[in-house]
Protein backbone atom coordinates (compact mmCIF):
# COMPACT_ATOMS: atom_id res chain seq x y z
CA UNK A 1 22.29 11.87 -5.97
CA UNK A 2 22.00 11.75 -2.19
CA UNK A 3 21.87 8.54 -0.22
CA UNK A 4 20.32 7.69 3.10
CA UNK A 5 23.13 7.05 5.54
CA UNK A 6 23.57 5.50 8.97
CA UNK A 7 26.59 6.06 11.22
CA UNK A 8 28.41 7.72 8.34
CA UNK A 9 28.33 4.55 6.23
CA UNK A 10 26.59 4.23 2.91
CA UNK A 11 25.13 0.83 2.09
CA UNK A 12 24.73 0.01 -1.59
CA UNK A 13 22.68 -2.86 -2.96
CA UNK A 14 22.95 -3.29 -6.72
CA UNK A 15 19.88 -5.19 -7.83
CA UNK A 16 19.62 -6.60 -11.34
CA UNK A 17 18.23 -3.89 -13.60
CA UNK A 18 17.75 -1.28 -10.95
CA UNK A 19 19.75 -0.02 -8.01
CA UNK A 20 18.35 0.25 -4.52
CA UNK A 21 20.02 1.80 -1.52
CA UNK A 22 18.94 0.31 1.78
CA UNK A 23 19.48 0.66 5.48
CA UNK A 24 18.72 -2.60 7.27
CA UNK A 25 17.65 -3.06 10.84
CA UNK A 26 18.45 -6.71 11.54
CA UNK A 27 16.74 -8.45 14.43
CA UNK A 28 16.26 -12.07 15.36
CA UNK A 29 13.35 -13.70 13.54
CA UNK A 30 10.88 -15.80 15.48
CA UNK A 31 8.14 -17.92 14.00
CA UNK A 32 4.84 -16.22 13.43
CA UNK A 33 1.84 -17.26 15.50
CA UNK A 34 -0.94 -18.00 13.03
CA UNK A 35 -3.62 -18.92 15.54
CA UNK A 36 -5.56 -15.75 14.79
CA UNK A 37 -6.89 -16.95 11.43
CA UNK A 38 -10.67 -16.54 11.35
CA UNK A 39 -11.99 -20.02 10.64
CA UNK A 40 -15.48 -18.57 10.22
CA UNK A 41 -14.43 -16.65 7.13
CA UNK A 42 -17.33 -15.91 4.80
CA UNK A 43 -16.88 -15.24 1.11
CA UNK A 44 -18.51 -11.80 0.92
CA UNK A 45 -18.56 -12.25 -2.85
CA UNK A 46 -22.30 -11.92 -3.38
CA UNK A 47 -22.97 -8.23 -2.96
CA UNK A 48 -19.20 -7.74 -2.94
CA UNK A 49 -17.78 -5.50 -0.21
CA UNK A 50 -14.15 -6.62 -0.26
CA UNK A 51 -12.70 -3.30 -1.42
CA UNK A 52 -13.58 0.33 -0.62
CA UNK A 53 -15.56 0.63 -3.87
CA UNK A 54 -18.27 -1.43 -2.14
CA UNK A 55 -19.77 -2.09 -5.58
CA UNK A 56 -22.14 -4.79 -4.35
CA UNK A 57 -21.73 -6.94 -7.47
CA UNK A 58 -22.85 -10.57 -7.19
CA UNK A 59 -19.43 -11.88 -8.13
CA UNK A 60 -20.19 -15.27 -6.63
CA UNK A 61 -22.74 -15.79 -9.39
CA UNK A 62 -20.68 -14.52 -12.31
CA UNK A 63 -21.22 -10.76 -12.19
CA UNK A 64 -18.16 -8.53 -12.56
CA UNK A 65 -17.29 -6.02 -9.88
CA UNK A 66 -15.55 -2.67 -10.24
CA UNK A 67 -12.35 -4.73 -10.25
CA UNK A 68 -13.42 -6.24 -13.59
CA UNK A 69 -13.52 -9.77 -12.19
CA UNK A 70 -16.09 -12.36 -11.16
CA UNK A 71 -15.57 -14.78 -8.27
CA UNK A 72 -13.30 -16.98 -10.42
CA UNK A 73 -9.63 -16.47 -9.65
CA UNK A 74 -7.65 -15.22 -12.62
CA UNK A 75 -3.87 -14.85 -12.70
CA UNK A 76 -1.50 -13.66 -15.44
CA UNK A 77 1.88 -14.83 -14.15
CA UNK A 78 3.42 -16.87 -11.35
CA UNK A 79 7.21 -16.82 -11.37
CA UNK A 80 10.35 -15.74 -9.57
CA UNK A 81 10.58 -11.96 -9.70
CA UNK A 82 13.95 -10.23 -9.27
CA UNK A 83 12.94 -6.58 -9.28
CA UNK A 84 11.37 -5.98 -5.90
CA UNK A 85 13.18 -4.33 -3.00
CA UNK A 86 16.37 -6.27 -2.11
CA UNK A 87 14.96 -7.64 1.14
CA UNK A 88 12.00 -9.06 -0.79
CA UNK A 89 13.62 -10.44 -3.96
CA UNK A 90 17.02 -11.41 -2.61
CA UNK A 91 19.29 -13.29 -5.01
CA UNK A 92 16.82 -16.12 -5.53
CA UNK A 93 13.76 -14.02 -6.36
CA UNK A 94 10.31 -13.39 -4.93
CA UNK A 95 7.63 -15.98 -5.70
CA UNK A 96 5.25 -13.54 -7.34
CA UNK A 97 1.67 -14.22 -8.38
CA UNK A 98 0.13 -11.46 -10.50
CA UNK A 99 -3.66 -11.50 -10.19
CA UNK A 100 -5.89 -10.11 -12.93
CA UNK A 101 -8.12 -7.12 -12.23
CA UNK A 102 -7.74 -4.13 -9.90
CA UNK A 103 -9.81 -2.09 -7.47
CA UNK A 104 -8.15 1.21 -8.45
CA UNK A 105 -7.61 1.36 -12.24
CA UNK A 106 -5.20 4.32 -12.12
CA UNK A 107 -4.92 6.18 -15.42
CA UNK A 108 -1.11 5.83 -15.32
CA UNK A 109 -1.12 2.14 -14.37
CA UNK A 110 2.22 0.43 -15.02
CA UNK A 111 0.52 -3.01 -15.15
CA UNK A 112 -2.43 -1.98 -17.27
CA UNK A 113 -2.65 -5.30 -19.15
CA UNK A 114 -3.69 -7.16 -16.04
CA UNK A 115 -5.29 -4.29 -14.13
CA UNK A 116 -7.66 -3.81 -17.06
CA UNK A 117 -8.55 -7.52 -17.05
CA UNK A 118 -7.05 -8.03 -20.52
CA UNK A 119 -4.81 -10.97 -19.59
CA UNK A 120 -5.47 -13.80 -17.17
CA UNK A 121 -6.20 -17.49 -16.81
CA UNK A 122 -8.93 -18.91 -14.61
CA UNK A 123 -7.49 -21.12 -11.88
CA UNK A 124 -9.02 -22.98 -8.94
CA UNK A 125 -8.15 -22.50 -5.29
CA UNK A 126 -6.50 -25.92 -5.41
CA UNK A 127 -4.33 -24.83 -8.34
CA UNK A 128 -3.40 -21.62 -6.54
CA UNK A 129 -2.21 -23.64 -3.54
CA UNK A 130 -0.14 -25.77 -5.93
CA UNK A 131 1.39 -22.64 -7.44
CA UNK A 132 2.50 -21.45 -4.00
CA UNK A 133 4.20 -24.80 -3.38
CA UNK A 134 5.79 -24.80 -6.86
CA UNK A 135 7.28 -21.35 -6.25
CA UNK A 136 8.64 -22.54 -2.93
CA UNK A 137 10.18 -25.50 -4.75
CA UNK A 138 11.91 -23.12 -7.15
CA UNK A 139 13.70 -21.43 -4.26
CA UNK A 140 11.52 -18.33 -3.83
CA UNK A 141 12.22 -16.19 -0.78
CA UNK A 142 8.53 -15.57 -0.21
CA UNK A 143 5.08 -15.78 -1.78
CA UNK A 144 4.25 -12.37 -3.24
CA UNK A 145 0.56 -11.68 -3.94
CA UNK A 146 0.23 -8.78 -6.41
CA UNK A 147 -3.11 -6.93 -6.56
CA UNK A 148 -4.88 -9.59 -4.49
CA UNK A 149 -7.69 -7.62 -2.82
CA UNK A 150 -10.63 -8.81 -4.91
CA UNK A 151 -9.66 -12.47 -4.42
CA UNK A 152 -8.93 -12.40 -0.69
CA UNK A 153 -11.38 -15.15 0.40
CA UNK A 154 -10.06 -17.58 -2.22
CA UNK A 155 -6.44 -16.65 -1.45
CA UNK A 156 -6.99 -17.29 2.26
CA UNK A 157 -8.27 -20.79 1.59
CA UNK A 158 -5.42 -21.48 -0.86
CA UNK A 159 -2.83 -20.30 1.66
CA UNK A 160 -4.35 -22.41 4.41
CA UNK A 161 -4.26 -25.43 2.09
CA UNK A 162 -0.67 -24.79 1.01
CA UNK A 163 0.50 -24.38 4.60
CA UNK A 164 -1.06 -27.72 5.51
CA UNK A 165 0.97 -29.21 2.65
CA UNK A 166 4.25 -27.78 3.88
CA UNK A 167 4.44 -24.18 2.69
CA UNK A 168 6.57 -22.20 5.13
CA UNK A 169 7.58 -19.07 3.23
CA UNK A 170 6.62 -15.56 4.37
CA UNK A 171 3.57 -14.20 2.55
CA UNK A 172 3.78 -10.73 0.98
CA UNK A 173 0.58 -8.74 0.34
CA UNK A 174 1.49 -6.39 -2.53
CA UNK A 175 -1.25 -3.78 -2.92
CA UNK A 176 -2.11 -0.33 -4.19
CA UNK A 177 -3.01 0.64 -0.64
CA UNK A 178 -6.74 1.05 -1.30
CA UNK A 179 -7.98 -1.51 1.21
CA UNK A 180 -10.83 -1.98 3.64
CA UNK A 181 -9.69 -2.55 7.20
CA UNK A 182 -12.36 -5.26 7.52
CA UNK A 183 -10.79 -7.20 4.64
CA UNK A 184 -7.26 -6.79 6.00
CA UNK A 185 -8.36 -8.19 9.35
CA UNK A 186 -9.30 -11.41 7.57
CA UNK A 187 -5.60 -11.77 6.69
CA UNK A 188 -4.25 -11.32 10.22
CA UNK A 189 -1.95 -14.26 10.92
CA UNK A 190 -1.66 -15.31 7.28
CA UNK A 191 0.23 -12.33 5.81
CA UNK A 192 3.75 -11.67 7.10
CA UNK A 193 4.78 -8.66 5.02
CA UNK A 194 2.62 -5.85 3.72
CA UNK A 195 3.92 -4.01 0.65
CA UNK A 196 1.38 -1.24 0.01
CA UNK A 197 1.58 1.85 -2.14
CA UNK A 198 0.77 5.19 -0.63
CA UNK A 199 -0.03 7.04 -3.82
CA UNK A 200 -1.49 10.37 -2.72
CA UNK A 201 -2.44 12.65 0.12
CA UNK A 202 -3.85 15.14 -2.37
CA UNK A 203 -7.54 14.30 -2.84
CA UNK A 204 -7.66 16.10 -6.20
CA UNK A 205 -4.94 13.81 -7.55
CA UNK A 206 -6.65 10.76 -6.09
CA UNK A 207 -9.93 11.71 -7.75
CA UNK A 208 -8.41 12.64 -11.10
CA UNK A 209 -5.97 9.76 -11.53
CA UNK A 210 -7.68 6.92 -9.62
CA UNK A 211 -11.33 7.97 -9.36
CA UNK A 212 -10.94 7.51 -5.62
CA UNK A 213 -11.22 10.84 -3.85
CA UNK A 214 -11.27 8.98 -0.53
CA UNK A 215 -7.91 7.29 -1.24
CA UNK A 216 -5.88 9.30 1.32
CA UNK A 217 -8.13 8.51 4.27
CA UNK A 218 -8.70 4.92 3.18
CA UNK A 219 -4.96 4.35 2.75
CA UNK A 220 -4.22 5.87 6.16
CA UNK A 221 -6.65 3.52 7.89
CA UNK A 222 -5.42 0.51 5.90
CA UNK A 223 -1.77 1.22 6.71
CA UNK A 224 -2.56 1.59 10.40
CA UNK A 225 -4.09 -1.89 10.37
CA UNK A 226 -1.12 -3.35 8.49
CA UNK A 227 1.34 -1.94 11.04
CA UNK A 228 -0.87 -3.13 13.90
CA UNK A 229 -0.67 -6.67 12.55
CA UNK A 230 3.06 -6.77 11.79
CA UNK A 231 4.81 -4.49 14.27
CA UNK A 232 8.42 -3.47 13.67
CA UNK A 233 10.33 -5.01 10.72
CA UNK A 234 12.05 -8.33 11.26
CA UNK A 235 14.95 -9.59 9.07
CA UNK A 236 16.87 -12.84 8.96
CA UNK A 237 20.64 -13.18 8.94
CA UNK A 238 20.71 -12.65 5.14
CA UNK A 239 18.88 -9.34 5.35
CA UNK A 240 15.66 -10.82 3.98
CA UNK A 241 12.49 -9.42 5.50
CA UNK A 242 10.47 -11.97 7.41
CA UNK A 243 7.85 -9.69 8.84
CA UNK A 244 6.99 -6.01 8.53
CA UNK A 245 5.64 -3.24 6.33
CA UNK A 246 7.32 -1.49 3.39
CA UNK A 247 5.38 1.49 2.04
CA UNK A 248 6.02 2.45 -1.57
CA UNK A 249 5.59 5.89 -3.06
CA UNK A 250 5.95 6.26 -6.82
CA UNK A 251 6.77 9.88 -7.58
CA UNK A 252 4.61 11.16 -10.43
CA UNK A 253 5.47 14.08 -12.74
CA UNK A 254 4.42 17.37 -11.20
CA UNK A 255 3.55 15.77 -7.85
CA UNK A 256 6.65 16.54 -5.80
CA UNK A 257 4.75 18.59 -3.22
CA UNK A 258 2.36 15.74 -2.56
CA UNK A 259 5.25 13.30 -2.49
CA UNK A 260 6.84 15.33 0.30
CA UNK A 261 3.55 15.35 2.20
CA UNK A 262 3.37 11.56 1.92
CA UNK A 263 6.94 11.11 3.18
CA UNK A 264 6.35 13.49 6.08
CA UNK A 265 3.13 11.75 7.06
CA UNK A 266 4.71 8.31 6.98
CA UNK A 267 7.77 9.40 8.96
CA UNK A 268 5.89 11.37 11.61
CA UNK A 269 3.24 8.67 12.02
CA UNK A 270 5.30 5.48 11.93
CA UNK A 271 8.98 6.32 12.27
CA UNK A 272 11.06 3.12 12.41
CA UNK A 273 8.00 0.87 12.50
CA UNK A 274 7.99 0.83 8.69
CA UNK A 275 10.36 1.05 5.75
CA UNK A 276 9.70 3.46 2.91
CA UNK A 277 10.45 2.75 -0.72
CA UNK A 278 10.75 5.94 -2.77
CA UNK A 279 10.47 5.11 -6.46
CA UNK A 280 11.56 7.12 -9.48
CA UNK A 281 10.68 4.56 -12.16
CA UNK A 282 7.42 6.06 -13.43
CA UNK A 283 7.12 5.50 -17.18
CA UNK A 284 4.35 6.95 -19.36
CA UNK A 285 2.92 4.03 -21.33
CA UNK A 286 0.83 3.85 -24.49
CA UNK A 287 -2.21 3.06 -22.36
CA UNK A 288 -2.11 6.58 -20.89
CA UNK A 289 -4.56 9.02 -22.46
CA UNK A 290 -1.94 11.65 -23.18
CA UNK A 291 -4.46 14.13 -24.52
CA UNK A 292 -6.47 14.00 -21.30
CA UNK A 293 -3.51 13.78 -18.92
CA UNK A 294 -0.64 15.58 -20.68
CA UNK A 295 1.04 16.36 -17.36
CA UNK A 296 1.66 12.62 -16.89
CA UNK A 297 3.03 12.03 -20.38
CA UNK A 298 6.65 12.50 -19.32
CA UNK A 299 9.19 10.97 -17.00
CA UNK A 300 9.97 12.34 -13.57
CA UNK A 301 12.92 14.77 -13.78
CA UNK A 302 15.98 13.59 -11.87
CA UNK A 303 16.12 16.84 -9.91
CA UNK A 304 12.56 16.33 -8.66
CA UNK A 305 13.34 12.85 -7.34
CA UNK A 306 16.55 14.12 -5.74
CA UNK A 307 14.52 16.79 -3.96
CA UNK A 308 12.19 14.13 -2.60
CA UNK A 309 15.14 12.09 -1.31
CA UNK A 310 16.79 15.21 0.14
CA UNK A 311 13.56 16.00 1.92
CA UNK A 312 13.37 12.50 3.40
CA UNK A 313 16.94 12.86 4.68
CA UNK A 314 16.18 16.26 6.17
CA UNK A 315 13.31 14.74 8.15
CA UNK A 316 15.63 12.09 9.57
CA UNK A 317 14.31 9.13 7.58
CA UNK A 318 16.73 6.24 7.95
CA UNK A 319 14.75 3.13 7.05
CA UNK A 320 14.16 3.50 3.34
CA UNK A 321 14.98 2.30 -0.13
CA UNK A 322 15.76 4.72 -2.94
CA UNK A 323 16.57 4.20 -6.61
CA UNK A 324 19.64 5.37 -8.45
CA UNK A 325 20.00 6.52 -12.03
CA UNK A 326 17.43 6.84 -14.79
CA UNK A 327 15.34 3.82 -13.84
CA UNK A 328 12.53 4.89 -16.16
CA UNK A 329 14.74 3.95 -19.11
CA UNK A 330 14.17 0.28 -18.34
CA UNK A 331 10.98 -1.69 -17.95
CA UNK A 332 10.26 -3.40 -14.66
CA UNK A 333 7.04 -4.85 -16.06
CA UNK A 334 7.32 -8.59 -16.63
CA UNK A 335 5.71 -10.26 -19.66
CA UNK A 336 2.21 -11.42 -18.79
CA UNK A 337 2.29 -14.65 -20.78
CA UNK A 338 0.48 -16.84 -18.23
CA UNK A 339 3.82 -18.32 -17.17
CA UNK A 340 3.45 -20.58 -14.16
CA UNK A 341 -0.33 -20.49 -13.92
């Protein structure tokens, strides 16, 4: 296995059940100016246009959108999460809220229970604000919003309420990368760290596996907005990210060529303005239709992931996280038992 190196020194970060290798760029953290919050925020839930599906569902009045959800917030778990990148989880954990529903519905989804709207509890905006404060009280390093797109208006109000009550943690927006720029702009000044996937540049893959042929162009535009908002990464003295963008790419079986295209695009476009997170942990789950997608019904070979990492090194990528060992042997999917909600 190759490792990303800086100045001839390898930096190893052993992290719970998986191993990440990181190169940190530490700079002095200054408080974020949050004056740009749009106080005129409108719900946009009736005739919903929050995500690129633009399904137009009247979610405000109980209709379900493509995401599978109405305008009522549903969450499946709110707890300290130890398995994110080291600069997100730290030793204390990331205060993660897993929202129910999804705007993508990928056929290989690793969180299919919640993405498919099978598990979730209805909570109010007031309760969501309380959850943020409870996670802060438990020592979380940040508030981590997982699959939040279809609840953005409610989340904004909950965050504003929590901040008025003393919440000071960085806010992480953890997304599949399929975002409308208009929706992201509503978050400017409230979100400190964007943690998007960049799943594909191959439109055939995007269409086949996520029913979103426009994913590559949508993800490009969304990422540009995220980087515009956050600028270069900022870390505190412990190496915890306080502001910035980490772009994840989960290597899928048979998709090495597209993985290389993604890495090249990210490096050539953003350089040291972002961190990459190259993931080898893909696991074929029972929810996968193996008969329809047999090419995905296997783990990623170690040699394929090594080639992706080698390629990143050859391009000169320095700011990245990679995974060691056979991470697909272990599950990084927490139990969705409604803990904390």
